[in-house]
Amino acid sequence: MAEWMSGDSISFPNLGIHLSHVPKSFTVFGITIALYGLIIGIGVVLAFLLIGEVAKRDGQDPDRFYEVGIWAILLGIIGARIYYVIFSWDYYKNDLMSIFNIRQGGLAIYGGIIAGFSTFLIYVKKKGWPVFAMLDTAVCGVLVGQIVGRWGNFTNREVFGGYSEGLLAMRLPVDAVRGRDITEELRSHIPVGANYIQVHPTFLYESFSNLILLVLILVIRKKKAFDGECSLWYLGGYGIIRFVIEGIRTDRLLIPGTGIAVSQALGLLIFLAALAADVYFRFIRPRKAVEVKEEEEEEPRRKNRKN
């Protein structure tokens, strides 16, 4: 007989894990608190803690990061929502007030990255602080926020992939997820008499991949050849992570009039741009600088030979 799951349960059958009560929110003194928002808040706090530690080790002032970070986070959240709404306009155009309801999710990380990075760069440059040195520190915190924040998608039953029978396959009750995220493929694999879909937990894939990227950056950041290189590692690394994982997800935001996932295309472009920039600043520009210096040193000798 097919398993019948309660509305707030989540299971990983191939791991033998069954969570019977994973709420989307809880109430404290009559105030309803969404776990999605709480988890994002925890991610922000942990991000600032790591940034503070990395900044102190590098001789930077942590207070500068706290000052600019508040603005980057606030505008980053707005940017993440705008990005999501733009590429989900068909869903929101008939219910404009739902645009302001982010309790059920609907924040696109690339929108947050674009808005947050832009805010950071403008603010730091205006203050006259070392922009790229600070950005190399900040990306470590950004990754922490992404690693933790993805678990908000877990409690919200969102950001999952197509049908899976793999070791990490996750089961979610149909009534607990957004109908538009359930593809025909998923519906075709619902067992007779069951009320669940079995999916790739892409939120978990991305969280774990970001953890690996963070560890790599922390380990090799002392070997960076120039300020800003850690930021390029982050952009390129996350770009390729997102390119791969976005292809699995069922809630992809598409470029209007195409079947192309906007974040997948953007991820690939950012990866290629970051790779090209790193190669240029690490190898090509230093070689050109040496050639120019040698040319400048040779010029007086040529003049002396002529005289």
Protein backbone atom coordinates (compact mmCIF):
# COMPACT_ATOMS: atom_id res chain seq x y z
CA MET A 1 0.00 0.00 0.00
CA ALA A 2 1.32 3.44 -0.92
CA GLU A 3 2.50 5.68 1.89
CA TRP A 4 0.23 8.55 2.92
CA MET A 5 2.13 11.52 4.28
CA SER A 6 0.82 14.12 6.68
CA GLY A 7 0.87 17.71 5.42
CA ASP A 8 3.84 18.84 7.52
CA SER A 9 6.05 15.78 7.05
CA ILE A 10 9.17 15.36 4.89
CA SER A 11 11.03 12.14 4.29
CA PHE A 12 14.20 10.80 2.71
CA PRO A 13 13.14 7.19 2.14
CA ASN A 14 16.45 5.85 0.85
CA LEU A 15 18.20 7.21 3.94
CA GLY A 16 15.52 5.89 6.27
CA ILE A 17 14.75 9.41 7.51
CA HIS A 18 11.15 10.47 8.15
CA LEU A 19 10.46 13.86 9.71
CA SER A 20 6.87 13.82 10.88
CA HIS A 21 6.58 17.49 11.80
CA VAL A 22 8.46 20.19 9.88
CA PRO A 23 6.33 23.33 10.22
CA LYS A 24 6.57 26.32 7.92
CA SER A 25 6.01 28.65 10.86
CA PHE A 26 5.49 28.75 14.61
CA THR A 27 3.81 31.11 17.05
CA VAL A 28 5.38 32.96 19.98
CA PHE A 29 3.16 35.12 22.21
CA GLY A 30 0.55 35.22 19.47
CA ILE A 31 3.06 36.29 16.80
CA THR A 32 3.50 33.96 13.84
CA ILE A 33 7.13 33.58 12.79
CA ALA A 34 7.96 32.02 9.41
CA LEU A 35 10.84 29.55 9.63
CA TYR A 36 11.92 30.73 6.17
CA GLY A 37 12.60 34.22 7.50
CA LEU A 38 14.12 32.99 10.75
CA ILE A 39 16.59 30.76 8.92
CA ILE A 40 17.59 33.59 6.60
CA GLY A 41 18.10 35.77 9.70
CA ILE A 42 20.34 33.12 11.27
CA GLY A 43 22.31 32.97 8.02
CA VAL A 44 22.84 36.73 8.13
CA VAL A 45 24.10 36.61 11.72
CA LEU A 46 26.51 33.77 10.96
CA ALA A 47 27.67 35.60 7.85
CA PHE A 48 28.58 38.69 9.86
CA LEU A 49 30.38 36.56 12.46
CA LEU A 50 32.58 34.95 9.81
CA ILE A 51 33.21 38.26 8.05
CA GLY A 52 34.30 39.76 11.37
CA GLU A 53 36.78 36.95 11.98
CA VAL A 54 38.22 37.03 8.46
CA ALA A 55 38.45 40.83 8.56
CA LYS A 56 40.39 40.81 11.84
CA ARG A 57 42.83 38.22 10.51
CA ASP A 58 43.46 40.39 7.46
CA GLY A 59 43.89 43.56 9.50
CA GLN A 60 40.62 45.07 8.29
CA ASP A 61 38.09 46.94 10.38
CA PRO A 62 35.02 44.70 11.00
CA ASP A 63 32.86 47.74 11.77
CA ARG A 64 33.13 48.83 8.16
CA PHE A 65 31.52 45.57 7.06
CA TYR A 66 28.71 45.91 9.58
CA GLU A 67 28.05 49.44 8.36
CA VAL A 68 27.86 48.63 4.65
CA GLY A 69 26.41 45.17 5.24
CA ILE A 70 23.10 46.43 6.59
CA TRP A 71 22.44 48.39 3.41
CA ALA A 72 23.66 45.59 1.16
CA ILE A 73 21.33 43.10 2.85
CA LEU A 74 18.26 45.34 2.77
CA LEU A 75 18.69 46.28 -0.88
CA GLY A 76 19.75 42.73 -1.67
CA ILE A 77 16.42 41.38 -0.38
CA ILE A 78 14.56 43.96 -2.45
CA GLY A 79 16.63 43.04 -5.49
CA ALA A 80 16.02 39.34 -4.94
CA ARG A 81 12.27 39.92 -4.86
CA ILE A 82 12.24 42.20 -7.90
CA TYR A 83 14.25 39.66 -9.91
CA TYR A 84 11.84 36.86 -8.93
CA VAL A 85 8.73 38.89 -9.72
CA ILE A 86 10.04 40.06 -13.10
CA PHE A 87 10.61 36.51 -14.29
CA SER A 88 7.37 35.24 -12.70
CA TRP A 89 5.21 38.10 -13.96
CA ASP A 90 2.50 35.88 -15.38
CA TYR A 91 1.85 34.65 -11.85
CA TYR A 92 1.84 38.08 -10.16
CA LYS A 93 0.28 40.33 -12.79
CA ASN A 94 -3.29 39.53 -11.71
CA ASP A 95 -2.58 39.79 -7.99
CA LEU A 96 -0.21 42.70 -7.48
CA MET A 97 -0.52 42.70 -3.69
CA SER A 98 1.01 39.20 -3.57
CA ILE A 99 4.26 40.79 -4.75
CA PHE A 100 4.77 42.07 -1.22
CA ASN A 101 4.16 38.67 0.42
CA ILE A 102 7.57 37.03 0.79
CA ARG A 103 6.58 34.83 3.72
CA GLN A 104 6.08 31.92 1.33
CA GLY A 105 9.42 32.45 -0.39
CA GLY A 106 10.04 33.92 -3.82
CA LEU A 107 13.50 35.46 -3.45
CA ALA A 108 15.87 34.90 -6.37
CA ILE A 109 19.45 34.74 -5.16
CA TYR A 110 20.91 36.27 -8.31
CA GLY A 111 18.74 39.34 -7.86
CA GLY A 112 20.06 39.60 -4.32
CA ILE A 113 23.66 39.18 -5.46
CA ILE A 114 23.33 41.86 -8.15
CA ALA A 115 21.66 44.38 -5.83
CA GLY A 116 23.83 43.52 -2.82
CA PHE A 117 27.12 43.65 -4.72
CA SER A 118 26.16 46.92 -6.42
CA THR A 119 25.25 48.49 -3.08
CA PHE A 120 28.49 47.25 -1.52
CA LEU A 121 30.68 48.56 -4.35
CA ILE A 122 29.03 51.99 -4.46
CA TYR A 123 29.02 52.45 -0.68
CA VAL A 124 32.62 51.30 -0.13
CA LYS A 125 33.96 53.33 -3.07
CA LYS A 126 32.15 56.44 -1.81
CA LYS A 127 33.73 55.94 1.63
CA GLY A 128 37.17 55.62 0.07
CA TRP A 129 37.75 52.18 1.54
CA PRO A 130 39.68 49.42 -0.30
CA VAL A 131 36.86 48.07 -2.46
CA PHE A 132 38.22 44.78 -3.75
CA ALA A 133 40.10 43.80 -0.59
CA MET A 134 36.87 44.23 1.37
CA LEU A 135 34.86 42.42 -1.29
CA ASP A 136 37.18 39.40 -0.98
CA THR A 137 36.29 39.25 2.70
CA ALA A 138 32.59 39.89 2.19
CA VAL A 139 32.08 36.99 -0.24
CA CYS A 140 32.93 34.55 2.55
CA GLY A 141 29.95 35.85 4.48
CA VAL A 142 27.76 35.81 1.37
CA LEU A 143 28.45 32.10 1.00
CA VAL A 144 27.56 31.42 4.63
CA GLY A 145 24.26 33.22 4.11
CA GLN A 146 23.55 31.09 1.05
CA ILE A 147 24.55 27.84 2.76
CA VAL A 148 22.21 28.45 5.69
CA GLY A 149 19.50 30.32 3.79
CA ARG A 150 18.84 27.39 1.45
CA TRP A 151 17.44 25.49 4.43
CA GLY A 152 14.64 28.03 4.48
CA ASN A 153 13.67 26.52 1.12
CA PHE A 154 13.59 23.14 2.85
CA THR A 155 11.04 24.22 5.45
CA ASN A 156 9.07 26.01 2.71
CA ARG A 157 9.00 22.86 0.54
CA GLU A 158 10.43 24.68 -2.47
CA VAL A 159 13.54 24.73 -4.68
CA PHE A 160 13.41 21.03 -5.54
CA GLY A 161 14.15 19.15 -8.72
CA GLY A 162 12.49 16.55 -10.88
CA TYR A 163 11.79 12.94 -10.03
CA SER A 164 14.62 11.05 -8.33
CA GLU A 165 15.29 7.56 -7.06
CA GLY A 166 18.75 8.49 -5.81
CA LEU A 167 20.14 8.12 -2.31
CA LEU A 168 19.10 11.65 -1.34
CA ALA A 169 15.62 11.49 -2.92
CA MET A 170 13.12 13.52 -0.88
CA ARG A 171 9.37 13.04 -0.54
CA LEU A 172 6.99 15.97 -0.04
CA PRO A 173 3.19 15.91 0.35
CA VAL A 174 1.53 17.31 -2.76
CA ASP A 175 -0.63 19.68 -0.73
CA ALA A 176 2.44 21.19 0.96
CA VAL A 177 4.09 22.50 -2.21
CA ARG A 178 3.13 25.09 -4.81
CA GLY A 179 1.13 23.51 -7.59
CA ARG A 180 3.10 25.32 -10.30
CA ASP A 181 6.30 23.60 -9.09
CA ILE A 182 4.91 20.11 -9.76
CA THR A 183 5.75 19.05 -13.31
CA GLU A 184 3.93 16.44 -15.35
CA GLU A 185 6.92 14.16 -14.86
CA LEU A 186 6.50 14.37 -11.10
CA ARG A 187 2.76 13.76 -11.32
CA SER A 188 3.32 10.69 -13.48
CA HIS A 189 5.51 9.17 -10.76
CA ILE A 190 3.03 9.61 -7.90
CA PRO A 191 2.15 6.04 -6.80
CA VAL A 192 -1.50 5.04 -6.91
CA GLY A 193 -3.10 5.93 -3.60
CA ALA A 194 -0.19 8.16 -2.52
CA ASN A 195 -0.17 11.90 -1.89
CA TYR A 196 3.50 12.73 -2.30
CA ILE A 197 6.07 13.61 -4.93
CA GLN A 198 9.62 12.25 -4.83
CA VAL A 199 12.21 14.79 -5.91
CA HIS A 200 15.83 15.87 -6.09
CA PRO A 201 16.53 18.03 -2.99
CA THR A 202 18.29 20.70 -5.02
CA PHE A 203 18.30 23.08 -2.04
CA LEU A 204 20.56 20.52 -0.33
CA TYR A 205 22.78 20.11 -3.39
CA GLU A 206 23.32 23.85 -3.56
CA SER A 207 23.87 24.29 0.16
CA PHE A 208 26.52 21.55 0.21
CA SER A 209 28.19 22.80 -2.99
CA ASN A 210 28.41 26.30 -1.52
CA LEU A 211 29.98 24.83 1.63
CA ILE A 212 32.70 23.21 -0.49
CA LEU A 213 33.26 26.50 -2.35
CA LEU A 214 33.54 28.40 0.95
CA VAL A 215 36.10 25.94 2.34
CA LEU A 216 38.17 26.18 -0.85
CA ILE A 217 38.17 29.98 -0.75
CA LEU A 218 39.13 30.07 2.93
CA VAL A 219 41.95 27.58 2.36
CA ILE A 220 43.50 29.22 -0.71
CA ARG A 221 42.64 32.88 -0.15
CA LYS A 222 46.17 33.60 1.10
CA LYS A 223 47.43 32.59 -2.31
CA LYS A 224 45.38 35.18 -4.18
CA ALA A 225 47.43 37.15 -6.67
CA PHE A 226 45.46 40.39 -6.43
CA ASP A 227 42.64 42.02 -4.47
CA GLY A 228 39.36 40.92 -5.97
CA GLU A 229 40.52 37.43 -6.93
CA CYS A 230 38.53 35.73 -4.13
CA SER A 231 35.48 37.56 -5.43
CA LEU A 232 36.12 36.15 -8.90
CA TRP A 233 36.49 32.67 -7.41
CA TYR A 234 33.15 33.12 -5.71
CA LEU A 235 31.39 34.44 -8.80
CA GLY A 236 32.84 31.77 -11.06
CA GLY A 237 32.34 28.95 -8.57
CA TYR A 238 28.77 29.85 -7.76
CA GLY A 239 28.07 30.50 -11.43
CA ILE A 240 28.95 26.94 -12.40
CA ILE A 241 27.17 25.51 -9.34
CA ARG A 242 24.01 27.35 -10.30
CA PHE A 243 24.35 26.42 -13.97
CA VAL A 244 24.34 22.72 -13.07
CA ILE A 245 21.70 22.75 -10.34
CA GLU A 246 19.32 25.11 -12.12
CA GLY A 247 18.98 22.51 -14.86
CA ILE A 248 17.46 20.09 -12.34
CA ARG A 249 14.98 22.42 -10.63
CA THR A 250 11.29 22.51 -11.49
CA ASP A 251 10.74 26.16 -10.51
CA ARG A 252 13.16 27.67 -13.00
CA LEU A 253 12.55 31.29 -13.95
CA LEU A 254 12.59 31.47 -17.75
CA ILE A 255 13.65 34.24 -20.08
CA PRO A 256 10.32 35.48 -21.52
CA GLY A 257 9.44 33.83 -24.81
CA THR A 258 12.08 31.13 -24.44
CA GLY A 259 12.60 27.85 -22.63
CA ILE A 260 15.94 29.08 -21.28
CA ALA A 261 16.35 29.35 -17.50
CA VAL A 262 17.55 32.88 -16.81
CA SER A 263 19.67 31.93 -13.78
CA GLN A 264 21.25 29.05 -15.68
CA ALA A 265 22.25 31.32 -18.55
CA LEU A 266 23.43 34.01 -16.15
CA GLY A 267 25.40 31.47 -14.12
CA LEU A 268 27.28 30.28 -17.21
CA LEU A 269 27.99 33.83 -18.38
CA ILE A 270 29.27 34.86 -14.95
CA PHE A 271 31.47 31.75 -14.74
CA LEU A 272 33.03 32.50 -18.14
CA ALA A 273 33.48 36.20 -17.34
CA ALA A 274 35.04 35.46 -13.93
CA LEU A 275 37.39 32.88 -15.47
CA ALA A 276 38.48 35.29 -18.20
CA ALA A 277 39.01 38.10 -15.69
CA ASP A 278 41.06 35.88 -13.38
CA VAL A 279 43.28 34.68 -16.23
CA TYR A 280 43.80 38.28 -17.36
CA PHE A 281 44.63 39.79 -13.95
CA ARG A 282 46.69 36.82 -12.74
CA PHE A 283 48.72 36.07 -15.87
CA ILE A 284 48.30 38.49 -18.78
CA ARG A 285 48.39 41.87 -17.02
CA PRO A 286 51.54 41.06 -14.95
CA ARG A 287 53.31 39.88 -18.12
CA LYS A 288 52.34 43.07 -19.93
CA ALA A 289 53.57 45.12 -16.96
CA VAL A 290 56.94 43.34 -17.12
CA GLU A 291 57.16 43.95 -20.87
CA VAL A 292 56.38 47.65 -20.40
CA LYS A 293 58.97 47.94 -17.64
CA GLU A 294 61.60 46.20 -19.76
CA GLU A 295 60.74 48.49 -22.65
CA GLU A 296 61.12 51.57 -20.43
CA GLU A 297 64.47 50.31 -19.15
CA GLU A 298 65.69 49.50 -22.66
CA GLU A 299 64.78 52.90 -24.11
CA PRO A 300 67.60 54.85 -22.36
CA ARG A 301 70.11 52.18 -23.41
CA ARG A 302 69.00 52.49 -27.04
CA LYS A 303 69.44 56.25 -26.88
CA ASN A 304 72.91 55.87 -25.40
CA ARG A 305 73.92 53.47 -28.16
CA LYS A 306 72.78 55.98 -30.79
CA ASN A 307 74.78 58.75 -29.16
